[in-house]
């Protein structure tokens, strides 16, 4: 699924189920062999949440204000309400056991996309939006973003997560 940031920069989103080689993918990410962000799809409520994180990461990275070494790592950092980079990766990143992955590639190149796709032993999901809306782990999201049931009476879980992501800059 191809989307665009505010300035027109492309963002490719891919999702896979039944992934059998998460540990291998993690190793390739850590070595820099794969240029992408790989997320635990159960911690994402909506594509909009990922696009906000991608926009924040792109903005920080291109202005020299990134907390991480790569733009794709900054996507993970932008998804979180936490400032501790190691905690962000432990929470939102690939631990080597996930079987359902969401992949984000900012400014994708055909060869990079092909390399990512050929590295994943799993089934590609065609309807990413539906899969995210129906497959997120509400209890974990509420815990990670510290969202109360009272807050959800007046707003959505997506709104609450986005407000936590945005407010991290002010803490």
Protein backbone atom coordinates (compact mmCIF):
# COMPACT_ATOMS: atom_id res chain seq x y z
CA UNK A 1 0.00 0.00 0.00
CA UNK A 2 1.60 3.23 -1.14
CA UNK A 3 0.87 6.45 0.77
CA UNK A 4 2.38 9.93 0.73
CA UNK A 5 3.74 12.28 3.37
CA UNK A 6 2.87 15.99 3.39
CA UNK A 7 5.68 16.87 0.96
CA UNK A 8 4.81 13.99 -1.39
CA UNK A 9 7.48 11.56 -0.17
CA UNK A 10 6.28 8.00 -0.71
CA UNK A 11 5.69 5.58 2.16
CA UNK A 12 5.19 1.90 1.38
CA UNK A 13 3.27 -0.20 3.90
CA UNK A 14 3.33 -3.98 3.78
CA UNK A 15 1.85 -6.51 6.16
CA UNK A 16 2.56 -10.20 6.57
CA UNK A 17 0.86 -12.99 8.52
CA UNK A 18 2.20 -16.43 9.40
CA UNK A 19 5.80 -15.18 9.31
CA UNK A 20 8.17 -18.05 10.03
CA UNK A 21 11.50 -16.20 10.04
CA UNK A 22 11.12 -13.21 12.39
CA UNK A 23 14.49 -13.89 13.99
CA UNK A 24 16.24 -13.78 10.61
CA UNK A 25 14.45 -10.54 9.73
CA UNK A 26 15.50 -9.02 13.05
CA UNK A 27 19.11 -9.95 12.35
CA UNK A 28 18.96 -8.34 8.89
CA UNK A 29 17.43 -5.19 10.36
CA UNK A 30 20.10 -4.90 13.02
CA UNK A 31 22.91 -5.38 10.49
CA UNK A 32 21.42 -2.73 8.20
CA UNK A 33 20.79 -5.23 5.43
CA UNK A 34 17.09 -4.30 5.37
CA UNK A 35 16.10 -0.64 5.24
CA UNK A 36 12.65 -0.48 6.79
CA UNK A 37 10.76 -0.29 10.05
CA UNK A 38 9.17 -3.53 11.22
CA UNK A 39 6.40 -3.10 13.75
CA UNK A 40 4.33 -5.35 15.95
CA UNK A 41 1.05 -4.93 14.07
CA UNK A 42 -0.98 -5.58 17.22
CA UNK A 43 0.15 -2.22 18.64
CA UNK A 44 -1.16 -0.21 15.69
CA UNK A 45 -4.81 0.84 15.60
CA UNK A 46 -4.99 2.41 12.15
CA UNK A 47 -2.88 3.27 9.09
CA UNK A 48 -3.24 6.94 10.06
CA UNK A 49 -1.26 6.26 13.26
CA UNK A 50 1.62 4.84 11.19
CA UNK A 51 1.49 7.74 8.74
CA UNK A 52 1.65 10.25 11.60
CA UNK A 53 4.70 8.41 12.99
CA UNK A 54 6.29 8.33 9.51
CA UNK A 55 5.68 12.07 9.06
CA UNK A 56 7.15 12.84 12.50
CA UNK A 57 10.18 10.63 11.79
CA UNK A 58 10.75 12.15 8.36
CA UNK A 59 10.49 15.68 9.74
CA UNK A 60 12.87 15.01 12.63
CA UNK A 61 15.35 13.13 10.47
CA UNK A 62 15.49 15.68 7.65
CA UNK A 63 15.90 18.59 10.10
CA UNK A 64 18.67 16.87 12.05
CA UNK A 65 16.57 16.45 15.19
CA UNK A 66 16.21 12.67 15.13
CA UNK A 67 16.75 10.65 18.29
CA UNK A 68 17.72 7.54 16.28
CA UNK A 69 20.43 6.77 13.72
CA UNK A 70 18.07 5.88 10.86
CA UNK A 71 14.80 7.32 9.64
CA UNK A 72 13.14 3.91 9.90
CA UNK A 73 14.20 3.53 13.54
CA UNK A 74 12.79 7.01 14.10
CA UNK A 75 9.38 5.70 12.89
CA UNK A 76 9.35 3.26 15.82
CA UNK A 77 10.46 6.02 18.18
CA UNK A 78 7.70 8.30 16.86
CA UNK A 79 5.02 5.67 17.50
CA UNK A 80 5.83 5.60 21.17
CA UNK A 81 5.01 7.87 24.07
CA UNK A 82 8.29 6.77 25.69
CA UNK A 83 11.60 8.62 25.39
CA UNK A 84 13.81 5.60 26.12
CA UNK A 85 14.93 4.29 22.74
CA UNK A 86 15.71 0.80 24.07
CA UNK A 87 12.21 0.57 25.60
CA UNK A 88 10.68 1.75 22.33
CA UNK A 89 12.42 -1.01 20.36
CA UNK A 90 11.53 -3.62 22.99
CA UNK A 91 7.87 -2.58 22.88
CA UNK A 92 7.14 -1.73 19.24
CA UNK A 93 9.93 -3.49 17.39
CA UNK A 94 10.63 -7.00 16.27
CA UNK A 95 11.55 -9.44 19.03
CA UNK A 96 12.08 -12.42 16.75
CA UNK A 97 8.89 -14.24 17.73
CA UNK A 98 6.16 -12.25 15.99
CA UNK A 99 4.22 -13.94 13.25
CA UNK A 100 2.32 -10.85 12.10
CA UNK A 101 4.37 -7.88 10.93
CA UNK A 102 3.72 -4.39 9.63
CA UNK A 103 6.54 -3.00 7.52
CA UNK A 104 7.08 0.70 6.79
CA UNK A 105 9.45 1.95 4.08
CA UNK A 106 9.93 5.69 3.64
CA UNK A 107 10.97 6.76 0.14
CA UNK A 108 10.93 3.17 -1.15
CA UNK A 109 13.15 2.04 -4.00
CA UNK A 110 12.09 -0.96 -6.09
CA UNK A 111 15.22 -2.95 -5.25
CA UNK A 112 14.79 -2.31 -1.52
CA UNK A 113 11.13 -3.40 -1.61
CA UNK A 114 12.05 -6.56 -3.53
CA UNK A 115 14.81 -7.34 -1.02
CA UNK A 116 12.40 -6.92 1.90
CA UNK A 117 9.71 -9.04 0.24
CA UNK A 118 12.15 -11.83 -0.61
CA UNK A 119 13.45 -11.82 2.99
CA UNK A 120 10.06 -12.59 4.52
CA UNK A 121 8.73 -16.12 4.76
CA UNK A 122 5.05 -15.34 5.28
CA UNK A 123 1.76 -14.47 3.60
CA UNK A 124 1.32 -10.88 2.42
CA UNK A 125 -1.91 -9.24 3.61
CA UNK A 126 -3.77 -7.33 0.92
CA UNK A 127 -6.19 -5.31 3.10
CA UNK A 128 -3.88 -3.67 5.62
CA UNK A 129 -6.44 -1.12 6.82
CA UNK A 130 -9.01 -3.76 7.72
CA UNK A 131 -6.42 -6.01 9.32
CA UNK A 132 -5.21 -3.18 11.57
CA UNK A 133 -8.71 -2.02 12.54
CA UNK A 134 -9.73 -5.53 13.55
CA UNK A 135 -6.45 -6.99 14.77
CA UNK A 136 -5.02 -4.61 17.34
CA UNK A 137 -4.53 -5.57 20.98
CA UNK A 138 -6.61 -3.02 22.88
CA UNK A 139 -5.42 -4.10 26.33
CA UNK A 140 -1.74 -3.78 25.40
CA UNK A 141 -2.29 -0.44 23.67
CA UNK A 142 -4.13 0.91 26.71
CA UNK A 143 -1.28 -0.25 28.94
CA UNK A 144 1.53 1.10 26.75
CA UNK A 145 -0.06 4.50 26.16
CA UNK A 146 -1.61 4.64 29.66
CA UNK A 147 -5.15 5.10 28.33
CA UNK A 148 -7.99 4.89 30.83
CA UNK A 149 -11.49 3.57 30.23
CA UNK A 150 -12.79 7.00 31.23
CA UNK A 151 -10.80 8.60 28.41
CA UNK A 152 -12.27 6.12 25.93
CA UNK A 153 -15.78 7.24 26.88
CA UNK A 154 -15.10 10.60 25.23
CA UNK A 155 -12.67 9.66 22.46
CA UNK A 156 -11.30 6.78 20.44
CA UNK A 157 -8.29 4.65 21.22
CA UNK A 158 -6.68 6.05 18.06
CA UNK A 159 -7.16 9.64 19.29
CA UNK A 160 -5.67 8.72 22.66
CA UNK A 161 -2.63 7.01 21.10
CA UNK A 162 -2.03 9.94 18.74
CA UNK A 163 -2.20 12.44 21.59
CA UNK A 164 0.44 10.44 23.51
CA UNK A 165 2.67 10.30 20.44
CA UNK A 166 2.38 14.05 19.92
CA UNK A 167 2.82 15.00 23.56
CA UNK A 168 6.15 13.15 23.90
CA UNK A 169 7.84 16.18 22.34
CA UNK A 170 6.65 18.37 25.20
CA UNK A 171 7.78 16.12 28.05
